[in-house]
C-alpha atoms as a PDB file:
ATOM      1  CA  UNK A   1     -12.710 -13.870 -18.838  1.00  0.00           C
ATOM      2  CA  UNK A   2     -11.239 -10.701 -20.373  1.00  0.00           C
ATOM      3  CA  UNK A   3      -9.455  -8.925 -17.530  1.00  0.00           C
ATOM      4  CA  UNK A   4      -7.597  -5.626 -17.676  1.00  0.00           C
ATOM      5  CA  UNK A   5      -4.919  -4.459 -15.278  1.00  0.00           C
ATOM      6  CA  UNK A   6      -3.548  -0.931 -14.857  1.00  0.00           C
ATOM      7  CA  UNK A   7      -0.560  -0.455 -12.558  1.00  0.00           C
ATOM      8  CA  UNK A   8       2.277  -2.995 -12.582  1.00  0.00           C
ATOM      9  CA  UNK A   9       4.220  -2.150  -9.462  1.00  0.00           C
ATOM     10  CA  UNK A  10       5.118  -4.535  -6.651  1.00  0.00           C
ATOM     11  CA  UNK A  11       1.502  -5.630  -6.209  1.00  0.00           C
ATOM     12  CA  UNK A  12       0.025  -5.168  -9.671  1.00  0.00           C
ATOM     13  CA  UNK A  13       2.654  -7.193 -11.502  1.00  0.00           C
ATOM     14  CA  UNK A  14       2.138 -10.146  -9.192  1.00  0.00           C
ATOM     15  CA  UNK A  15      -1.641  -9.927  -9.280  1.00  0.00           C
ATOM     16  CA  UNK A  16      -1.574  -9.796 -13.084  1.00  0.00           C
ATOM     17  CA  UNK A  17       0.564 -12.921 -13.164  1.00  0.00           C
ATOM     18  CA  UNK A  18      -1.925 -14.733 -10.914  1.00  0.00           C
ATOM     19  CA  UNK A  19      -4.702 -13.852 -13.352  1.00  0.00           C
ATOM     20  CA  UNK A  20      -2.688 -15.242 -16.261  1.00  0.00           C
ATOM     21  CA  UNK A  21      -2.014 -18.466 -14.372  1.00  0.00           C
ATOM     22  CA  UNK A  22      -5.747 -18.739 -13.641  1.00  0.00           C
ATOM     23  CA  UNK A  23      -6.403 -18.755 -17.391  1.00  0.00           C
ATOM     24  CA  UNK A  24      -7.835 -15.279 -17.918  1.00  0.00           C
ATOM     25  CA  UNK A  25      -7.114 -13.167 -21.013  1.00  0.00           C
ATOM     26  CA  UNK A  26      -5.130 -10.320 -19.451  1.00  0.00           C
ATOM     27  CA  UNK A  27      -4.448  -6.892 -20.977  1.00  0.00           C
ATOM     28  CA  UNK A  28      -2.162  -4.511 -19.120  1.00  0.00           C
ATOM     29  CA  UNK A  29      -1.064  -0.886 -19.043  1.00  0.00           C
ATOM     30  CA  UNK A  30       1.696   0.810 -17.097  1.00  0.00           C
ATOM     31  CA  UNK A  31       3.084   4.317 -17.444  1.00  0.00           C
ATOM     32  CA  UNK A  32       6.547   2.741 -17.724  1.00  0.00           C
ATOM     33  CA  UNK A  33       5.830  -0.059 -20.225  1.00  0.00           C
ATOM     34  CA  UNK A  34       9.151  -1.804 -19.536  1.00  0.00           C
ATOM     35  CA  UNK A  35       7.597  -3.188 -16.364  1.00  0.00           C
ATOM     36  CA  UNK A  36       5.241  -5.245 -18.531  1.00  0.00           C
ATOM     37  CA  UNK A  37       7.989  -7.072 -20.439  1.00  0.00           C
ATOM     38  CA  UNK A  38       7.955 -10.275 -18.404  1.00  0.00           C
ATOM     39  CA  UNK A  39       4.154 -10.380 -18.271  1.00  0.00           C
ATOM     40  CA  UNK A  40       3.957 -10.012 -22.052  1.00  0.00           C
ATOM     41  CA  UNK A  41       6.342 -12.953 -22.410  1.00  0.00           C
ATOM     42  CA  UNK A  42       3.971 -14.916 -20.177  1.00  0.00           C
ATOM     43  CA  UNK A  43       0.939 -14.084 -22.317  1.00  0.00           C
ATOM     44  CA  UNK A  44      -0.358 -10.658 -21.348  1.00  0.00           C
ATOM     45  CA  UNK A  45      -1.280  -8.072 -24.001  1.00  0.00           C
ATOM     46  CA  UNK A  46       0.396  -4.696 -23.539  1.00  0.00           C
ATOM     47  CA  UNK A  47      -1.821  -1.731 -24.357  1.00  0.00           C
ATOM     48  CA  UNK A  48      -0.774   1.817 -25.214  1.00  0.00           C
ATOM     49  CA  UNK A  49      -3.344   3.691 -23.113  1.00  0.00           C
ATOM     50  CA  UNK A  50      -5.619   3.053 -20.115  1.00  0.00           C
ATOM     51  CA  UNK A  51      -8.582   3.382 -22.464  1.00  0.00           C
ATOM     52  CA  UNK A  52      -7.295   0.616 -24.718  1.00  0.00           C
ATOM     53  CA  UNK A  53      -7.141  -1.757 -21.749  1.00  0.00           C
ATOM     54  CA  UNK A  54     -10.581  -0.700 -20.546  1.00  0.00           C
ATOM     55  CA  UNK A  55     -12.246  -1.121 -23.948  1.00  0.00           C
ATOM     56  CA  UNK A  56     -11.489  -4.846 -24.039  1.00  0.00           C
ATOM     57  CA  UNK A  57     -12.144  -5.633 -20.371  1.00  0.00           C
ATOM     58  CA  UNK A  58     -15.086  -7.313 -18.714  1.00  0.00           C
ATOM     59  CA  UNK A  59     -13.342  -6.732 -15.383  1.00  0.00           C
ATOM     60  CA  UNK A  60     -10.705  -4.019 -14.912  1.00  0.00           C
ATOM     61  CA  UNK A  61      -8.317  -3.784 -11.951  1.00  0.00           C
ATOM     62  CA  UNK A  62      -6.340  -0.698 -10.977  1.00  0.00           C
ATOM     63  CA  UNK A  63      -3.556  -0.778  -8.395  1.00  0.00           C
ATOM     64  CA  UNK A  64      -2.002   2.680  -8.352  1.00  0.00           C
ATOM     65  CA  UNK A  65      -0.010   4.851  -5.986  1.00  0.00           C
ATOM     66  CA  UNK A  66      -2.491   7.592  -5.087  1.00  0.00           C
ATOM     67  CA  UNK A  67      -5.988   8.961  -5.774  1.00  0.00           C
ATOM     68  CA  UNK A  68      -4.595  11.605  -8.142  1.00  0.00           C
ATOM     69  CA  UNK A  69      -3.041   8.840 -10.287  1.00  0.00           C
ATOM     70  CA  UNK A  70      -6.334   6.939 -10.383  1.00  0.00           C
ATOM     71  CA  UNK A  71      -8.057  10.157 -11.426  1.00  0.00           C
ATOM     72  CA  UNK A  72      -5.492  10.691 -14.177  1.00  0.00           C
ATOM     73  CA  UNK A  73      -5.934   7.144 -15.503  1.00  0.00           C
ATOM     74  CA  UNK A  74      -9.723   7.524 -15.412  1.00  0.00           C
ATOM     75  CA  UNK A  75     -10.258  10.969 -16.932  1.00  0.00           C
ATOM     76  CA  UNK A  76      -7.322  11.660 -19.241  1.00  0.00           C
ATOM     77  CA  UNK A  77      -7.786  11.586 -22.986  1.00  0.00           C
ATOM     78  CA  UNK A  78      -8.053   7.867 -23.768  1.00  0.00           C
ATOM     79  CA  UNK A  79      -8.683   7.297 -20.073  1.00  0.00           C
ATOM     80  CA  UNK A  80     -10.338   4.185 -18.747  1.00  0.00           C
ATOM     81  CA  UNK A  81     -13.667   5.576 -17.598  1.00  0.00           C
ATOM     82  CA  UNK A  82     -15.175   6.533 -20.944  1.00  0.00           C
ATOM     83  CA  UNK A  83     -13.843   3.389 -22.630  1.00  0.00           C
ATOM     84  CA  UNK A  84     -15.168   0.747 -20.268  1.00  0.00           C
ATOM     85  CA  UNK A  85     -18.108  -1.124 -21.865  1.00  0.00           C
ATOM     86  CA  UNK A  86     -21.487  -0.679 -20.232  1.00  0.00           C
ATOM     87  CA  UNK A  87     -21.868  -3.320 -17.528  1.00  0.00           C
ATOM     88  CA  UNK A  88     -18.122  -3.818 -17.070  1.00  0.00           C
ATOM     89  CA  UNK A  89     -16.780  -3.942 -13.528  1.00  0.00           C
ATOM     90  CA  UNK A  90     -13.980  -1.639 -12.405  1.00  0.00           C
ATOM     91  CA  UNK A  91     -12.212  -2.868  -9.259  1.00  0.00           C
ATOM     92  CA  UNK A  92      -9.919  -0.245  -7.763  1.00  0.00           C
ATOM     93  CA  UNK A  93      -7.430  -1.726  -5.280  1.00  0.00           C
ATOM     94  CA  UNK A  94      -5.646   1.575  -4.658  1.00  0.00           C
ATOM     95  CA  UNK A  95      -5.604   2.975  -1.129  1.00  0.00           C
ATOM     96  CA  UNK A  96      -7.789   6.081  -1.420  1.00  0.00           C
ATOM     97  CA  UNK A  97      -9.922   8.218   0.875  1.00  0.00           C
ATOM     98  CA  UNK A  98     -13.635   7.443   1.194  1.00  0.00           C
ATOM     99  CA  UNK A  99     -14.769  10.690  -0.444  1.00  0.00           C
ATOM    100  CA  UNK A 100     -12.722   9.838  -3.542  1.00  0.00           C
ATOM    101  CA  UNK A 101     -14.254   6.374  -3.751  1.00  0.00           C
ATOM    102  CA  UNK A 102     -17.751   7.775  -3.443  1.00  0.00           C
ATOM    103  CA  UNK A 103     -17.020  10.199  -6.283  1.00  0.00           C
ATOM    104  CA  UNK A 104     -15.717   7.396  -8.524  1.00  0.00           C
ATOM    105  CA  UNK A 105     -18.825   5.371  -7.767  1.00  0.00           C
ATOM    106  CA  UNK A 106     -21.048   8.213  -8.946  1.00  0.00           C
ATOM    107  CA  UNK A 107     -18.974   8.772 -12.090  1.00  0.00           C
ATOM    108  CA  UNK A 108     -19.210   5.089 -12.972  1.00  0.00           C
ATOM    109  CA  UNK A 109     -22.950   4.999 -12.379  1.00  0.00           C
ATOM    110  CA  UNK A 110     -23.421   7.825 -14.910  1.00  0.00           C
ATOM    111  CA  UNK A 111     -21.770   5.614 -17.534  1.00  0.00           C
ATOM    112  CA  UNK A 112     -23.415   2.315 -16.691  1.00  0.00           C
ATOM    113  CA  UNK A 113     -20.147   0.932 -15.270  1.00  0.00           C
ATOM    114  CA  UNK A 114     -20.085  -1.090 -12.059  1.00  0.00           C
ATOM    115  CA  UNK A 115     -17.512   0.102  -9.516  1.00  0.00           C
ATOM    116  CA  UNK A 116     -16.009  -1.700  -6.539  1.00  0.00           C
ATOM    117  CA  UNK A 117     -13.463  -0.257  -4.152  1.00  0.00           C
ATOM    118  CA  UNK A 118     -11.293  -3.168  -3.073  1.00  0.00           C
ATOM    119  CA  UNK A 119      -8.100  -2.181  -1.226  1.00  0.00           C
ATOM    120  CA  UNK A 120      -5.956  -5.160  -0.332  1.00  0.00           C
ATOM    121  CA  UNK A 121      -4.096  -6.246   2.784  1.00  0.00           C
ATOM    122  CA  UNK A 122      -0.817  -8.042   2.141  1.00  0.00           C
ATOM    123  CA  UNK A 123       2.487  -7.479   0.404  1.00  0.00           C
ATOM    124  CA  UNK A 124       4.506  -9.192  -2.333  1.00  0.00           C
ATOM    125  CA  UNK A 125       4.410 -12.688  -0.777  1.00  0.00           C
ATOM    126  CA  UNK A 126       0.621 -12.646  -0.429  1.00  0.00           C
ATOM    127  CA  UNK A 127       0.274 -11.314  -3.976  1.00  0.00           C
ATOM    128  CA  UNK A 128       2.550 -14.105  -5.246  1.00  0.00           C
ATOM    129  CA  UNK A 129       0.602 -16.769  -3.368  1.00  0.00           C
ATOM    130  CA  UNK A 130      -2.905 -15.479  -4.044  1.00  0.00           C
ATOM    131  CA  UNK A 131      -3.589 -14.915  -0.341  1.00  0.00           C
ATOM    132  CA  UNK A 132      -4.418 -11.200  -0.354  1.00  0.00           C
ATOM    133  CA  UNK A 133      -7.355 -10.016   1.739  1.00  0.00           C
ATOM    134  CA  UNK A 134      -9.817  -7.734  -0.046  1.00  0.00           C
ATOM    135  CA  UNK A 135     -11.956  -5.167   1.743  1.00  0.00           C
ATOM    136  CA  UNK A 136     -14.790  -4.343  -0.642  1.00  0.00           C
ATOM    137  CA  UNK A 137     -17.274  -1.496  -0.915  1.00  0.00           C
ATOM    138  CA  UNK A 138     -20.002  -1.162  -3.537  1.00  0.00           C
ATOM    139  CA  UNK A 139     -23.064  -3.051  -4.706  1.00  0.00           C
ATOM    140  CA  UNK A 140     -23.082  -6.594  -3.336  1.00  0.00           C
ATOM    141  CA  UNK A 141     -24.453  -7.942  -6.620  1.00  0.00           C
ATOM    142  CA  UNK A 142     -21.422  -6.473  -8.412  1.00  0.00           C
ATOM    143  CA  UNK A 143     -19.160  -8.197  -5.926  1.00  0.00           C
ATOM    144  CA  UNK A 144     -20.876 -11.516  -6.582  1.00  0.00           C
ATOM    145  CA  UNK A 145     -20.223 -11.063 -10.301  1.00  0.00           C
ATOM    146  CA  UNK A 146     -16.557 -10.207  -9.711  1.00  0.00           C
ATOM    147  CA  UNK A 147     -15.885 -12.772  -6.995  1.00  0.00           C
ATOM    148  CA  UNK A 148     -14.653 -15.605  -9.279  1.00  0.00           C
ATOM    149  CA  UNK A 149     -11.904 -13.350 -10.643  1.00  0.00           C
ATOM    150  CA  UNK A 150     -11.016 -11.925  -7.233  1.00  0.00           C
ATOM    151  CA  UNK A 151     -10.693 -15.409  -5.776  1.00  0.00           C
ATOM    152  CA  UNK A 152      -7.738 -15.948  -8.105  1.00  0.00           C
ATOM    153  CA  UNK A 153      -5.958 -13.240  -6.147  1.00  0.00           C
ATOM    154  CA  UNK A 154      -7.111 -13.453  -2.565  1.00  0.00           C
ATOM    155  CA  UNK A 155      -7.933 -15.887   0.193  1.00  0.00           C
ATOM    156  CA  UNK A 156     -10.575 -13.667   1.801  1.00  0.00           C
ATOM    157  CA  UNK A 157     -13.081 -11.079   0.614  1.00  0.00           C
ATOM    158  CA  UNK A 158     -14.631  -8.874   3.289  1.00  0.00           C
ATOM    159  CA  UNK A 159     -17.725  -7.007   2.102  1.00  0.00           C
ATOM    160  CA  UNK A 160     -18.177  -3.732   4.013  1.00  0.00           C
ATOM    161  CA  UNK A 161     -21.195  -2.187   2.286  1.00  0.00           C
ATOM    162  CA  UNK A 162     -21.552   0.987   0.244  1.00  0.00           C
ATOM    163  CA  UNK A 163     -18.742   2.906  -1.445  1.00  0.00           C
ATOM    164  CA  UNK A 164     -16.425   4.561   1.057  1.00  0.00           C
ATOM    165  CA  UNK A 165     -16.648   1.932   3.780  1.00  0.00           C
ATOM    166  CA  UNK A 166     -13.820  -0.276   2.525  1.00  0.00           C
ATOM    167  CA  UNK A 167     -11.655   2.762   1.789  1.00  0.00           C
ATOM    168  CA  UNK A 168     -12.266   3.946   5.347  1.00  0.00           C
ATOM    169  CA  UNK A 169     -11.337   0.580   6.843  1.00  0.00           C
ATOM    170  CA  UNK A 170      -8.127   0.478   4.802  1.00  0.00           C
ATOM    171  CA  UNK A 171      -7.108   3.858   6.216  1.00  0.00           C
ATOM    172  CA  UNK A 172      -7.873   2.643   9.745  1.00  0.00           C
ATOM    173  CA  UNK A 173      -5.658  -0.407   9.185  1.00  0.00           C
ATOM    174  CA  UNK A 174      -2.855   1.637   7.635  1.00  0.00           C
ATOM    175  CA  UNK A 175      -2.998   4.131  10.505  1.00  0.00           C
ATOM    176  CA  UNK A 176      -2.539   1.205  12.888  1.00  0.00           C
ATOM    177  CA  UNK A 177       0.310  -0.223  10.813  1.00  0.00           C
ATOM    178  CA  UNK A 178       2.218   3.046  10.433  1.00  0.00           C
ATOM    179  CA  UNK A 179       1.748   4.030  14.065  1.00  0.00           C
ATOM    180  CA  UNK A 180       2.803   0.575  15.280  1.00  0.00           C
ATOM    181  CA  UNK A 181       6.029   0.381  13.312  1.00  0.00           C
ATOM    182  CA  UNK A 182       6.965   3.972  14.176  1.00  0.00           C
ATOM    183  CA  UNK A 183       6.374   3.354  17.891  1.00  0.00           C
ATOM    184  CA  UNK A 184       8.351   0.099  17.698  1.00  0.00           C
ATOM    185  CA  UNK A 185      11.267   1.866  16.005  1.00  0.00           C
ATOM    186  CA  UNK A 186      11.316   4.671  18.550  1.00  0.00           C
ATOM    187  CA  UNK A 187      11.128   2.224  21.468  1.00  0.00           C
ATOM    188  CA  UNK A 188      14.072   0.251  20.030  1.00  0.00           C
ATOM    189  CA  UNK A 189      16.089   3.457  19.683  1.00  0.00           C
ATOM    190  CA  UNK A 190      15.318   4.346  23.297  1.00  0.00           C
ATOM    191  CA  UNK A 191      16.546   0.930  24.388  1.00  0.00           C
ATOM    192  CA  UNK A 192      19.800   1.392  22.498  1.00  0.00           C
ATOM    193  CA  UNK A 193      20.262   4.886  23.931  1.00  0.00           C
ATOM    194  CA  UNK A 194      20.114   3.579  27.499  1.00  0.00           C
ATOM    195  CA  UNK A 195      22.628   0.829  26.717  1.00  0.00           C
ATOM    196  CA  UNK A 196      20.625  -2.334  26.007  1.00  0.00           C
ATOM    197  CA  UNK A 197      22.356  -4.671  23.537  1.00  0.00           C
ATOM    198  CA  UNK A 198      20.419  -4.310  20.303  1.00  0.00           C
ATOM    199  CA  UNK A 199      20.043  -7.920  19.164  1.00  0.00           C
ATOM    200  CA  UNK A 200      18.961  -9.068  22.616  1.00  0.00           C
ATOM    201  CA  UNK A 201      16.524  -6.184  22.907  1.00  0.00           C
ATOM    202  CA  UNK A 202      15.016  -6.867  19.472  1.00  0.00           C
ATOM    203  CA  UNK A 203      14.538 -10.533  20.392  1.00  0.00           C
ATOM    204  CA  UNK A 204      12.722  -9.570  23.579  1.00  0.00           C
ATOM    205  CA  UNK A 205      10.616  -7.014  21.747  1.00  0.00           C
ATOM    206  CA  UNK A 206       9.755  -9.618  19.109  1.00  0.00           C
ATOM    207  CA  UNK A 207       8.633 -12.082  21.796  1.00  0.00           C
ATOM    208  CA  UNK A 208       6.492  -9.460  23.489  1.00  0.00           C
ATOM    209  CA  UNK A 209       2.721  -9.616  23.153  1.00  0.00           C
ATOM    210  CA  UNK A 210       2.867  -5.839  22.649  1.00  0.00           C
ATOM    211  CA  UNK A 211       4.547  -6.245  19.244  1.00  0.00           C
ATOM    212  CA  UNK A 212       2.276  -6.524  16.198  1.00  0.00           C
ATOM    213  CA  UNK A 213       2.647  -9.777  14.211  1.00  0.00           C
ATOM    214  CA  UNK A 214       3.564  -7.954  10.989  1.00  0.00           C
ATOM    215  CA  UNK A 215       6.568  -6.387  12.733  1.00  0.00           C
ATOM    216  CA  UNK A 216       7.728  -9.822  13.859  1.00  0.00           C
ATOM    217  CA  UNK A 217       7.722 -10.878  10.204  1.00  0.00           C
ATOM    218  CA  UNK A 218      10.157  -8.106   9.216  1.00  0.00           C
ATOM    219  CA  UNK A 219      12.213  -7.837  12.407  1.00  0.00           C
ATOM    220  CA  UNK A 220      15.424  -8.963  10.683  1.00  0.00           C
ATOM    221  CA  UNK A 221      15.396  -5.762   8.643  1.00  0.00           C
ATOM    222  CA  UNK A 222      15.942  -3.724  11.807  1.00  0.00           C
ATOM    223  CA  UNK A 223      19.245  -5.385  12.564  1.00  0.00           C
ATOM    224  CA  UNK A 224      20.447  -6.354   9.079  1.00  0.00           C
ATOM    225  CA  UNK A 225      19.513  -3.202   7.173  1.00  0.00           C
ATOM    226  CA  UNK A 226      17.993  -5.386   4.432  1.00  0.00           C
ATOM    227  CA  UNK A 227      16.960  -3.105   1.589  1.00  0.00           C
ATOM    228  CA  UNK A 228      13.930  -4.863   0.092  1.00  0.00           C
ATOM    229  CA  UNK A 229      10.952  -2.596  -0.440  1.00  0.00           C
ATOM    230  CA  UNK A 230       7.534  -4.118   0.142  1.00  0.00           C
ATOM    231  CA  UNK A 231       5.818  -0.836   0.998  1.00  0.00           C
ATOM    232  CA  UNK A 232       7.662   2.443   0.518  1.00  0.00           C
ATOM    233  CA  UNK A 233       7.875   5.282   2.982  1.00  0.00           C
ATOM    234  CA  UNK A 234       6.499   7.579   0.278  1.00  0.00           C
ATOM    235  CA  UNK A 235       3.329   5.485   0.195  1.00  0.00           C
ATOM    236  CA  UNK A 236       3.148   5.443   3.984  1.00  0.00           C
ATOM    237  CA  UNK A 237       3.343   9.232   4.001  1.00  0.00           C
ATOM    238  CA  UNK A 238       0.641   9.418   1.320  1.00  0.00           C
ATOM    239  CA  UNK A 239      -1.637   7.214   3.416  1.00  0.00           C
ATOM    240  CA  UNK A 240      -1.028   9.302   6.535  1.00  0.00           C
ATOM    241  CA  UNK A 241      -2.014  12.404   4.541  1.00  0.00           C
ATOM    242  CA  UNK A 242      -5.248  10.691   3.502  1.00  0.00           C
ATOM    243  CA  UNK A 243      -5.890   9.716   7.123  1.00  0.00           C
ATOM    244  CA  UNK A 244      -5.478  13.318   8.273  1.00  0.00           C
ATOM    245  CA  UNK A 245      -7.758  14.576   5.490  1.00  0.00           C
ATOM    246  CA  UNK A 246     -10.426  12.015   6.342  1.00  0.00           C
ATOM    247  CA  UNK A 247     -10.226  12.789  10.057  1.00  0.00           C
ATOM    248  CA  UNK A 248     -10.619  16.494   9.312  1.00  0.00           C
ATOM    249  CA  UNK A 249     -13.750  15.782   7.278  1.00  0.00           C
ATOM    250  CA  UNK A 250     -15.379  14.249  10.368  1.00  0.00           C
ATOM    251  CA  UNK A 251     -13.887  16.836  12.769  1.00  0.00           C
ATOM    252  CA  UNK A 252     -11.737  14.268  14.574  1.00  0.00           C
ATOM    253  CA  UNK A 253      -8.444  15.242  16.184  1.00  0.00           C
ATOM    254  CA  UNK A 254      -5.870  12.489  15.571  1.00  0.00           C
ATOM    255  CA  UNK A 255      -2.705  13.447  17.415  1.00  0.00           C
ATOM    256  CA  UNK A 256      -0.873  10.160  16.871  1.00  0.00           C
ATOM    257  CA  UNK A 257      -1.563  10.286  13.138  1.00  0.00           C
ATOM    258  CA  UNK A 258      -0.248  13.851  12.999  1.00  0.00           C
ATOM    259  CA  UNK A 259       2.991  12.815  14.677  1.00  0.00           C
ATOM    260  CA  UNK A 260       3.484   9.803  12.414  1.00  0.00           C
ATOM    261  CA  UNK A 261       2.721  11.860   9.300  1.00  0.00           C
ATOM    262  CA  UNK A 262       5.297  14.436  10.350  1.00  0.00           C
ATOM    263  CA  UNK A 263       7.945  11.732  10.817  1.00  0.00           C
ATOM    264  CA  UNK A 264       7.104  10.174   7.446  1.00  0.00           C
ATOM    265  CA  UNK A 265       7.292  13.556   5.751  1.00  0.00           C
ATOM    266  CA  UNK A 266      10.710  14.234   7.272  1.00  0.00           C
ATOM    267  CA  UNK A 267      11.941  10.786   6.193  1.00  0.00           C
ATOM    268  CA  UNK A 268      10.819  11.385   2.618  1.00  0.00           C
ATOM    269  CA  UNK A 269      12.526  14.787   2.574  1.00  0.00           C
ATOM    270  CA  UNK A 270      15.680  13.128   3.915  1.00  0.00           C
ATOM    271  CA  UNK A 271      15.796  10.765   0.923  1.00  0.00           C
ATOM    272  CA  UNK A 272      13.991   7.699   2.252  1.00  0.00           C
ATOM    273  CA  UNK A 273      11.101   8.010  -0.212  1.00  0.00           C
ATOM    274  CA  UNK A 274      11.667   4.713  -2.043  1.00  0.00           C
ATOM    275  CA  UNK A 275      12.935   2.803   0.969  1.00  0.00           C
ATOM    276  CA  UNK A 276      10.834   0.169   2.707  1.00  0.00           C
ATOM    277  CA  UNK A 277       8.654   1.358   5.571  1.00  0.00           C
ATOM    278  CA  UNK A 278      10.843  -0.605   8.002  1.00  0.00           C
ATOM    279  CA  UNK A 279      13.603   1.955   7.288  1.00  0.00           C
ATOM    280  CA  UNK A 280      11.691   4.357   9.546  1.00  0.00           C
ATOM    281  CA  UNK A 281      13.900   2.798  12.229  1.00  0.00           C
ATOM    282  CA  UNK A 282      17.094   3.744  10.398  1.00  0.00           C
ATOM    283  CA  UNK A 283      15.794   7.256   9.764  1.00  0.00           C
ATOM    284  CA  UNK A 284      14.732   7.878  13.367  1.00  0.00           C
ATOM    285  CA  UNK A 285      17.966   6.375  14.666  1.00  0.00           C
ATOM    286  CA  UNK A 286      20.138   8.597  12.485  1.00  0.00           C
ATOM    287  CA  UNK A 287      18.113  11.664  13.403  1.00  0.00           C
ATOM    288  CA  UNK A 288      18.265  10.858  17.104  1.00  0.00           C
ATOM    289  CA  UNK A 289      22.020  10.345  17.009  1.00  0.00           C
ATOM    290  CA  UNK A 290      22.531  13.592  15.098  1.00  0.00           C
ATOM    291  CA  UNK A 291      20.459  15.578  17.581  1.00  0.00           C
ATOM    292  CA  UNK A 292      22.185  13.925  20.532  1.00  0.00           C
ATOM    293  CA  UNK A 293      25.591  14.732  19.075  1.00  0.00           C
ATOM    294  CA  UNK A 294      24.606  18.377  18.731  1.00  0.00           C
ATOM    295  CA  UNK A 295      23.397  18.636  22.315  1.00  0.00           C
ATOM    296  CA  UNK A 296      25.745  16.283  24.221  1.00  0.00           C
ATOM    297  CA  UNK A 297      28.753  15.307  22.092  1.00  0.00           C
ATOM    298  CA  UNK A 298      30.743  14.047  25.086  1.00  0.00           C
ATOM    299  CA  UNK A 299      28.129  11.398  25.883  1.00  0.00           C
ATOM    300  CA  UNK A 300      27.885   9.746  22.459  1.00  0.00           C
ATOM    301  CA  UNK A 301      28.570   6.008  22.460  1.00  0.00           C
ATOM    302  CA  UNK A 302      31.129   4.991  19.837  1.00  0.00           C
ATOM    303  CA  UNK A 303      30.179   2.820  16.889  1.00  0.00           C
ATOM    304  CA  UNK A 304      32.325   0.022  18.327  1.00  0.00           C
ATOM    305  CA  UNK A 305      30.469   0.122  21.622  1.00  0.00           C
ATOM    306  CA  UNK A 306      27.103   0.171  19.847  1.00  0.00           C
ATOM    307  CA  UNK A 307      28.097  -2.893  17.881  1.00  0.00           C
ATOM    308  CA  UNK A 308      28.697  -4.903  21.043  1.00  0.00           C
ATOM    309  CA  UNK A 309      26.151  -3.243  23.305  1.00  0.00           C
END
């Protein structure tokens, strides 16, 4: 099948490779074309514009950083939306708000294009292994047509119903993820502040039923400072902004989300934008130490003591 792919970041590059391995004819576009070099060597066709990819695609995937980037790829001169053949399927895997997805669905319908929102759960390892989980909104018949291609990329496809439902679920899940890791980081910092030895405390926290499984998978990053980005803090902040906007649309007060968004915003301002979301621990820890030093400098524990505490 002729498959197009726009967006070759951490997820998109790996998903594109899976499609090549599955035997599809894959055309790609990325705003920084250098990211396509390895894929081209493996058989992908690099296109100059989103529209060029779309024009030769039976199924088109987009995995982009934000709704505004999707909008740019869709509506710019030589954008994808006016170049997709009638009957083609556009599968957008970007994390967006439900109102945006509903709008894209209407725009596609005007042009005879089939649109599926399909945000994914998983990071680079799941993308490499083809074990992503898709949450899908749109026409179920369109999903049935796209399913053979999507099964090259994921181990599960969860159909939620009309446009907006899958986007909403993705925001719910990302709210839970961001809130969980921020609470975990703050709890660990509290433990350190009262004198609990860090490695022992992290082991106990990892063993606790209160700790989310995804945190257990990345726990080593809290103690080692490993700098491998699976999901950046800039993206986590973007998702928290979408969560707040969506909550406002339904007149829901989300105090936890507001707090987490504020922390993410401060981390991005402090230079953590491209760092992995697990670095929220490092950010909160440095901020807590700085504030404590300002208020009670005589009570600060030395670095040597922290290392053995």
